[in-house]
Amino acid sequence: MYMHASYIYISMSYYFSRDDVALENFSRFFHKRSLEEWENAEKLMSYQNQHGGRILLKDIKRPEKDDWTNGLVVLELALQLEKNVNQSLLDLLNIAANKKYPQVIYPLHVLLSSVVPLKSFMLFLSRASFISLLLSFQMCDFLEREFLDEQVQAIKKLGDFVTNLKRLGVPGNGVGEYLFDKLTLKD
């Protein structure tokens, strides 16, 4: 998901740096987004490796477009892309959070309320299922801490950009797109 997003963002970045488009700040914005998405992919792969998982890379699908037409269309597609990535993260979080450990639920609650000593709890619970349960909680925390807040912020920012470009009369107004590039997307 992140590699695909990075690939699309780099395509968008180089579209805006073309000599016949020349919107430098759009280009920088999408180049930065591409790098951020790639870093997120590396974080997930690193997490998976550190926890005994195996990385299975697949082909990255090329963007359906190479000629992105204008900033509004690109930002709307970027917004949808971020929503798709967010949904993928929520699906992954749901998988981690909903691992079923019916034999663990009551004893874990009791353990957390400090009524039963840890030794009794460990006798009840097999070591493998206890470790698996902890890894599930840890993965949920990792996804929430490292990715989900960032995704929500990216969706909000892109939504604001789309709204502002529409207010400027884009796509019918090239001056509005130019001003947005110069005033909103500058570093």
C-alpha atoms as a PDB file:
ATOM      1  CA  MET A   1       0.000   0.000   0.000  1.00  0.00           C
ATOM      2  CA  TYR A   2       2.719   2.480   0.981  1.00  0.00           C
ATOM      3  CA  MET A   3       5.018   1.543  -1.903  1.00  0.00           C
ATOM      4  CA  HIS A   4       2.160   1.958  -4.357  1.00  0.00           C
ATOM      5  CA  ALA A   5       1.326   5.372  -2.874  1.00  0.00           C
ATOM      6  CA  SER A   6       4.989   6.393  -3.064  1.00  0.00           C
ATOM      7  CA  TYR A   7       5.115   5.336  -6.706  1.00  0.00           C
ATOM      8  CA  ILE A   8       2.026   7.372  -7.576  1.00  0.00           C
ATOM      9  CA  TYR A   9       3.297  10.427  -5.691  1.00  0.00           C
ATOM     10  CA  ILE A  10       6.637  10.352  -7.499  1.00  0.00           C
ATOM     11  CA  SER A  11       4.760  10.252 -10.806  1.00  0.00           C
ATOM     12  CA  MET A  12       2.713  13.270  -9.706  1.00  0.00           C
ATOM     13  CA  SER A  13       5.860  15.078  -8.596  1.00  0.00           C
ATOM     14  CA  TYR A  14       7.571  14.702 -11.941  1.00  0.00           C
ATOM     15  CA  TYR A  15       4.421  15.679 -13.798  1.00  0.00           C
ATOM     16  CA  PHE A  16       4.478  19.065 -12.039  1.00  0.00           C
ATOM     17  CA  SER A  17       8.183  19.551 -12.712  1.00  0.00           C
ATOM     18  CA  ARG A  18       7.725  19.182 -16.483  1.00  0.00           C
ATOM     19  CA  ASP A  19       8.590  22.266 -18.548  1.00  0.00           C
ATOM     20  CA  ASP A  20       5.025  22.585 -19.834  1.00  0.00           C
ATOM     21  CA  VAL A  21       3.506  22.435 -16.309  1.00  0.00           C
ATOM     22  CA  ALA A  22       6.187  24.157 -14.172  1.00  0.00           C
ATOM     23  CA  LEU A  23       4.496  24.171 -10.771  1.00  0.00           C
ATOM     24  CA  GLU A  24       7.574  23.786  -8.596  1.00  0.00           C
ATOM     25  CA  ASN A  25       5.886  23.671  -5.194  1.00  0.00           C
ATOM     26  CA  PHE A  26       3.348  21.059  -6.306  1.00  0.00           C
ATOM     27  CA  SER A  27       6.330  19.009  -7.461  1.00  0.00           C
ATOM     28  CA  ARG A  28       8.140  19.418  -4.135  1.00  0.00           C
ATOM     29  CA  PHE A  29       4.988  18.633  -2.160  1.00  0.00           C
ATOM     30  CA  PHE A  30       4.395  15.342  -3.983  1.00  0.00           C
ATOM     31  CA  HIS A  31       8.081  14.422  -3.919  1.00  0.00           C
ATOM     32  CA  LYS A  32       8.041  14.858  -0.136  1.00  0.00           C
ATOM     33  CA  ARG A  33       4.852  12.768   0.105  1.00  0.00           C
ATOM     34  CA  SER A  34       6.543  10.040  -1.974  1.00  0.00           C
ATOM     35  CA  LEU A  35       9.504   9.924   0.405  1.00  0.00           C
ATOM     36  CA  GLU A  36       7.196   9.827   3.448  1.00  0.00           C
ATOM     37  CA  GLU A  37       5.196   6.937   2.008  1.00  0.00           C
ATOM     38  CA  TRP A  38       8.397   5.032   1.196  1.00  0.00           C
ATOM     39  CA  GLU A  39       9.668   5.581   4.759  1.00  0.00           C
ATOM     40  CA  ASN A  40       6.363   4.256   6.104  1.00  0.00           C
ATOM     41  CA  ALA A  41       6.732   1.137   3.939  1.00  0.00           C
ATOM     42  CA  GLU A  42      10.210   0.635   5.378  1.00  0.00           C
ATOM     43  CA  LYS A  43       8.898   1.080   8.950  1.00  0.00           C
ATOM     44  CA  LEU A  44       6.282  -1.622   8.394  1.00  0.00           C
ATOM     45  CA  MET A  45       8.795  -4.002   6.808  1.00  0.00           C
ATOM     46  CA  SER A  46      11.285  -3.376   9.607  1.00  0.00           C
ATOM     47  CA  TYR A  47       8.583  -4.041  12.219  1.00  0.00           C
ATOM     48  CA  GLN A  48       7.631  -7.257  10.450  1.00  0.00           C
ATOM     49  CA  ASN A  49      11.268  -8.422  10.275  1.00  0.00           C
ATOM     50  CA  GLN A  50      11.909  -7.592  13.930  1.00  0.00           C
ATOM     51  CA  HIS A  51       8.930  -9.702  14.956  1.00  0.00           C
ATOM     52  CA  GLY A  52       9.853 -12.791  12.958  1.00  0.00           C
ATOM     53  CA  GLY A  53       7.725 -12.117   9.905  1.00  0.00           C
ATOM     54  CA  ARG A  54       8.809 -12.546   6.316  1.00  0.00           C
ATOM     55  CA  ILE A  55       8.669  -9.845   3.679  1.00  0.00           C
ATOM     56  CA  LEU A  56       6.932 -10.892   0.466  1.00  0.00           C
ATOM     57  CA  LEU A  57       7.308  -8.146  -2.113  1.00  0.00           C
ATOM     58  CA  LYS A  58       4.937  -8.005  -5.040  1.00  0.00           C
ATOM     59  CA  ASP A  59       4.918  -5.966  -8.225  1.00  0.00           C
ATOM     60  CA  ILE A  60       3.997  -2.340  -7.703  1.00  0.00           C
ATOM     61  CA  LYS A  61       1.178  -1.414 -10.036  1.00  0.00           C
ATOM     62  CA  ARG A  62       1.998   1.568 -12.202  1.00  0.00           C
ATOM     63  CA  PRO A  63      -0.218   4.647 -11.960  1.00  0.00           C
ATOM     64  CA  GLU A  64      -3.189   4.552 -14.286  1.00  0.00           C
ATOM     65  CA  LYS A  65      -2.258   8.042 -15.499  1.00  0.00           C
ATOM     66  CA  ASP A  66       0.948   9.797 -16.421  1.00  0.00           C
ATOM     67  CA  ASP A  67      -0.615  13.061 -17.525  1.00  0.00           C
ATOM     68  CA  TRP A  68      -2.370  14.414 -14.467  1.00  0.00           C
ATOM     69  CA  THR A  69      -4.123  17.400 -16.185  1.00  0.00           C
ATOM     70  CA  ASN A  70      -4.258  19.886 -13.253  1.00  0.00           C
ATOM     71  CA  GLY A  71      -3.634  20.378  -9.552  1.00  0.00           C
ATOM     72  CA  LEU A  72      -7.237  19.856  -8.492  1.00  0.00           C
ATOM     73  CA  VAL A  73      -7.501  16.464 -10.196  1.00  0.00           C
ATOM     74  CA  VAL A  74      -4.176  15.413  -8.700  1.00  0.00           C
ATOM     75  CA  LEU A  75      -5.099  16.524  -5.181  1.00  0.00           C
ATOM     76  CA  GLU A  76      -8.468  14.766  -5.416  1.00  0.00           C
ATOM     77  CA  LEU A  77      -6.700  11.567  -6.480  1.00  0.00           C
ATOM     78  CA  ALA A  78      -4.120  12.013  -3.703  1.00  0.00           C
ATOM     79  CA  LEU A  79      -6.942  12.468  -1.192  1.00  0.00           C
ATOM     80  CA  GLN A  80      -8.569   9.237  -2.376  1.00  0.00           C
ATOM     81  CA  LEU A  81      -5.198   7.485  -2.257  1.00  0.00           C
ATOM     82  CA  GLU A  82      -4.672   8.576   1.365  1.00  0.00           C
ATOM     83  CA  LYS A  83      -8.178   7.392   2.258  1.00  0.00           C
ATOM     84  CA  ASN A  84      -7.378   4.006   0.688  1.00  0.00           C
ATOM     85  CA  VAL A  85      -4.119   3.749   2.648  1.00  0.00           C
ATOM     86  CA  ASN A  86      -5.992   4.716   5.812  1.00  0.00           C
ATOM     87  CA  GLN A  87      -8.581   1.998   5.177  1.00  0.00           C
ATOM     88  CA  SER A  88      -5.807  -0.555   4.631  1.00  0.00           C
ATOM     89  CA  LEU A  89      -4.259   0.462   7.953  1.00  0.00           C
ATOM     90  CA  LEU A  90      -7.639   0.191   9.687  1.00  0.00           C
ATOM     91  CA  ASP A  91      -8.108  -3.277   8.175  1.00  0.00           C
ATOM     92  CA  LEU A  92      -4.665  -4.298   9.423  1.00  0.00           C
ATOM     93  CA  LEU A  93      -5.440  -2.867  12.854  1.00  0.00           C
ATOM     94  CA  ASN A  94      -8.736  -4.759  12.892  1.00  0.00           C
ATOM     95  CA  ILE A  95      -6.960  -8.024  12.084  1.00  0.00           C
ATOM     96  CA  ALA A  96      -4.472  -7.451  14.908  1.00  0.00           C
ATOM     97  CA  ALA A  97      -7.122  -6.294  17.387  1.00  0.00           C
ATOM     98  CA  ASN A  98      -9.602  -9.071  16.672  1.00  0.00           C
ATOM     99  CA  LYS A  99      -7.352 -12.060  17.060  1.00  0.00           C
ATOM    100  CA  LYS A 100      -9.528 -14.427  19.025  1.00  0.00           C
ATOM    101  CA  TYR A 101      -8.126 -15.695  22.290  1.00  0.00           C
ATOM    102  CA  PRO A 102     -11.301 -16.768  24.102  1.00  0.00           C
ATOM    103  CA  GLN A 103      -9.374 -18.665  26.784  1.00  0.00           C
ATOM    104  CA  VAL A 104      -7.410 -15.499  27.592  1.00  0.00           C
ATOM    105  CA  ILE A 105     -10.058 -12.809  27.906  1.00  0.00           C
ATOM    106  CA  TYR A 106     -11.286 -13.535  31.431  1.00  0.00           C
ATOM    107  CA  PRO A 107      -7.899 -14.390  32.966  1.00  0.00           C
ATOM    108  CA  LEU A 108      -6.316 -11.319  31.391  1.00  0.00           C
ATOM    109  CA  HIS A 109      -9.020  -9.141  32.911  1.00  0.00           C
ATOM    110  CA  VAL A 110      -8.454 -10.802  36.274  1.00  0.00           C
ATOM    111  CA  LEU A 111      -4.701 -10.363  35.968  1.00  0.00           C
ATOM    112  CA  LEU A 112      -5.069  -6.692  35.167  1.00  0.00           C
ATOM    113  CA  SER A 113      -7.205  -6.235  38.253  1.00  0.00           C
ATOM    114  CA  SER A 114      -4.350  -7.811  40.317  1.00  0.00           C
ATOM    115  CA  VAL A 115      -6.534 -10.510  41.878  1.00  0.00           C
ATOM    116  CA  VAL A 116      -4.664 -13.505  40.471  1.00  0.00           C
ATOM    117  CA  PRO A 117      -0.866 -13.757  40.692  1.00  0.00           C
ATOM    118  CA  LEU A 118       1.055 -13.764  37.417  1.00  0.00           C
ATOM    119  CA  LYS A 119       2.323 -17.304  38.025  1.00  0.00           C
ATOM    120  CA  SER A 120      -1.236 -18.677  38.107  1.00  0.00           C
ATOM    121  CA  PHE A 121      -2.077 -16.745  34.991  1.00  0.00           C
ATOM    122  CA  MET A 122       0.949 -18.122  33.143  1.00  0.00           C
ATOM    123  CA  LEU A 123       0.028 -21.685  34.087  1.00  0.00           C
ATOM    124  CA  PHE A 124      -3.405 -21.141  32.571  1.00  0.00           C
ATOM    125  CA  LEU A 125      -2.082 -19.632  29.400  1.00  0.00           C
ATOM    126  CA  SER A 126       0.309 -21.349  27.057  1.00  0.00           C
ATOM    127  CA  ARG A 127       3.499 -19.438  26.414  1.00  0.00           C
ATOM    128  CA  ALA A 128       2.878 -19.260  22.654  1.00  0.00           C
ATOM    129  CA  SER A 129      -0.616 -17.816  22.979  1.00  0.00           C
ATOM    130  CA  PHE A 130       0.556 -15.317  25.617  1.00  0.00           C
ATOM    131  CA  ILE A 131       3.356 -14.091  23.352  1.00  0.00           C
ATOM    132  CA  SER A 132       0.980 -13.984  20.404  1.00  0.00           C
ATOM    133  CA  LEU A 133      -1.501 -11.943  22.427  1.00  0.00           C
ATOM    134  CA  LEU A 134       1.176  -9.471  23.512  1.00  0.00           C
ATOM    135  CA  LEU A 135       2.405  -9.116  19.933  1.00  0.00           C
ATOM    136  CA  SER A 136      -1.157  -8.418  18.834  1.00  0.00           C
ATOM    137  CA  PHE A 137      -1.479  -5.616  21.409  1.00  0.00           C
ATOM    138  CA  GLN A 138       1.960  -4.330  20.473  1.00  0.00           C
ATOM    139  CA  MET A 139       1.081  -4.258  16.776  1.00  0.00           C
ATOM    140  CA  CYS A 140      -2.111  -2.313  17.466  1.00  0.00           C
ATOM    141  CA  ASP A 141      -0.116   0.223  19.455  1.00  0.00           C
ATOM    142  CA  PHE A 142       2.530   0.428  16.721  1.00  0.00           C
ATOM    143  CA  LEU A 143      -0.043   1.045  13.972  1.00  0.00           C
ATOM    144  CA  GLU A 144      -1.887   3.685  15.979  1.00  0.00           C
ATOM    145  CA  ARG A 145       1.257   5.464  17.145  1.00  0.00           C
ATOM    146  CA  GLU A 146       3.257   5.387  13.910  1.00  0.00           C
ATOM    147  CA  PHE A 147       0.683   5.627  11.132  1.00  0.00           C
ATOM    148  CA  LEU A 148      -2.963   6.328  11.875  1.00  0.00           C
ATOM    149  CA  ASP A 149      -2.620   9.843  13.293  1.00  0.00           C
ATOM    150  CA  GLU A 150      -0.354  10.798  10.403  1.00  0.00           C
ATOM    151  CA  GLN A 151      -2.924   9.436   7.932  1.00  0.00           C
ATOM    152  CA  VAL A 152      -5.748  11.470   9.448  1.00  0.00           C
ATOM    153  CA  GLN A 153      -3.610  14.619   9.282  1.00  0.00           C
ATOM    154  CA  ALA A 154      -2.710  13.941   5.632  1.00  0.00           C
ATOM    155  CA  ILE A 155      -6.375  13.391   4.726  1.00  0.00           C
ATOM    156  CA  LYS A 156      -7.369  16.647   6.449  1.00  0.00           C
ATOM    157  CA  LYS A 157      -4.597  18.613   4.740  1.00  0.00           C
ATOM    158  CA  LEU A 158      -5.415  17.254   1.282  1.00  0.00           C
ATOM    159  CA  GLY A 159      -9.131  17.865   1.848  1.00  0.00           C
ATOM    160  CA  ASP A 160      -8.361  21.480   2.755  1.00  0.00           C
ATOM    161  CA  PHE A 161      -6.204  21.840  -0.364  1.00  0.00           C
ATOM    162  CA  VAL A 162      -8.990  20.481  -2.593  1.00  0.00           C
ATOM    163  CA  THR A 163     -11.495  22.900  -1.046  1.00  0.00           C
ATOM    164  CA  ASN A 164      -9.170  25.872  -1.481  1.00  0.00           C
ATOM    165  CA  LEU A 165      -8.382  25.037  -5.106  1.00  0.00           C
ATOM    166  CA  LYS A 166     -12.101  24.840  -5.850  1.00  0.00           C
ATOM    167  CA  ARG A 167     -12.551  28.270  -4.241  1.00  0.00           C
ATOM    168  CA  LEU A 168      -9.846  29.590  -6.549  1.00  0.00           C
ATOM    169  CA  GLY A 169     -11.824  28.416  -9.567  1.00  0.00           C
ATOM    170  CA  VAL A 170      -9.573  25.526 -10.556  1.00  0.00           C
ATOM    171  CA  PRO A 171      -9.659  23.711 -12.987  1.00  0.00           C
ATOM    172  CA  GLY A 172     -10.947  26.582 -15.126  1.00  0.00           C
ATOM    173  CA  ASN A 173      -8.546  29.121 -13.638  1.00  0.00           C
ATOM    174  CA  GLY A 174      -4.833  28.598 -14.294  1.00  0.00           C
ATOM    175  CA  VAL A 175      -4.019  31.701 -12.265  1.00  0.00           C
ATOM    176  CA  GLY A 176      -5.732  30.173  -9.221  1.00  0.00           C
ATOM    177  CA  GLU A 177      -3.623  27.043  -9.570  1.00  0.00           C
ATOM    178  CA  TYR A 178      -0.467  29.153  -9.952  1.00  0.00           C
ATOM    179  CA  LEU A 179      -1.312  31.223  -6.856  1.00  0.00           C
ATOM    180  CA  PHE A 180      -2.053  28.080  -4.863  1.00  0.00           C
ATOM    181  CA  ASP A 181       1.333  26.692  -5.901  1.00  0.00           C
ATOM    182  CA  LYS A 182       3.167  29.893  -4.969  1.00  0.00           C
ATOM    183  CA  LEU A 183       1.302  30.824  -1.781  1.00  0.00           C
ATOM    184  CA  THR A 184      -0.025  27.632  -0.202  1.00  0.00           C
ATOM    185  CA  LEU A 185       2.533  25.006  -1.149  1.00  0.00           C
ATOM    186  CA  LYS A 186       5.664  27.080  -0.616  1.00  0.00           C
ATOM    187  CA  ASP A 187       8.008  25.713   2.045  1.00  0.00           C
END
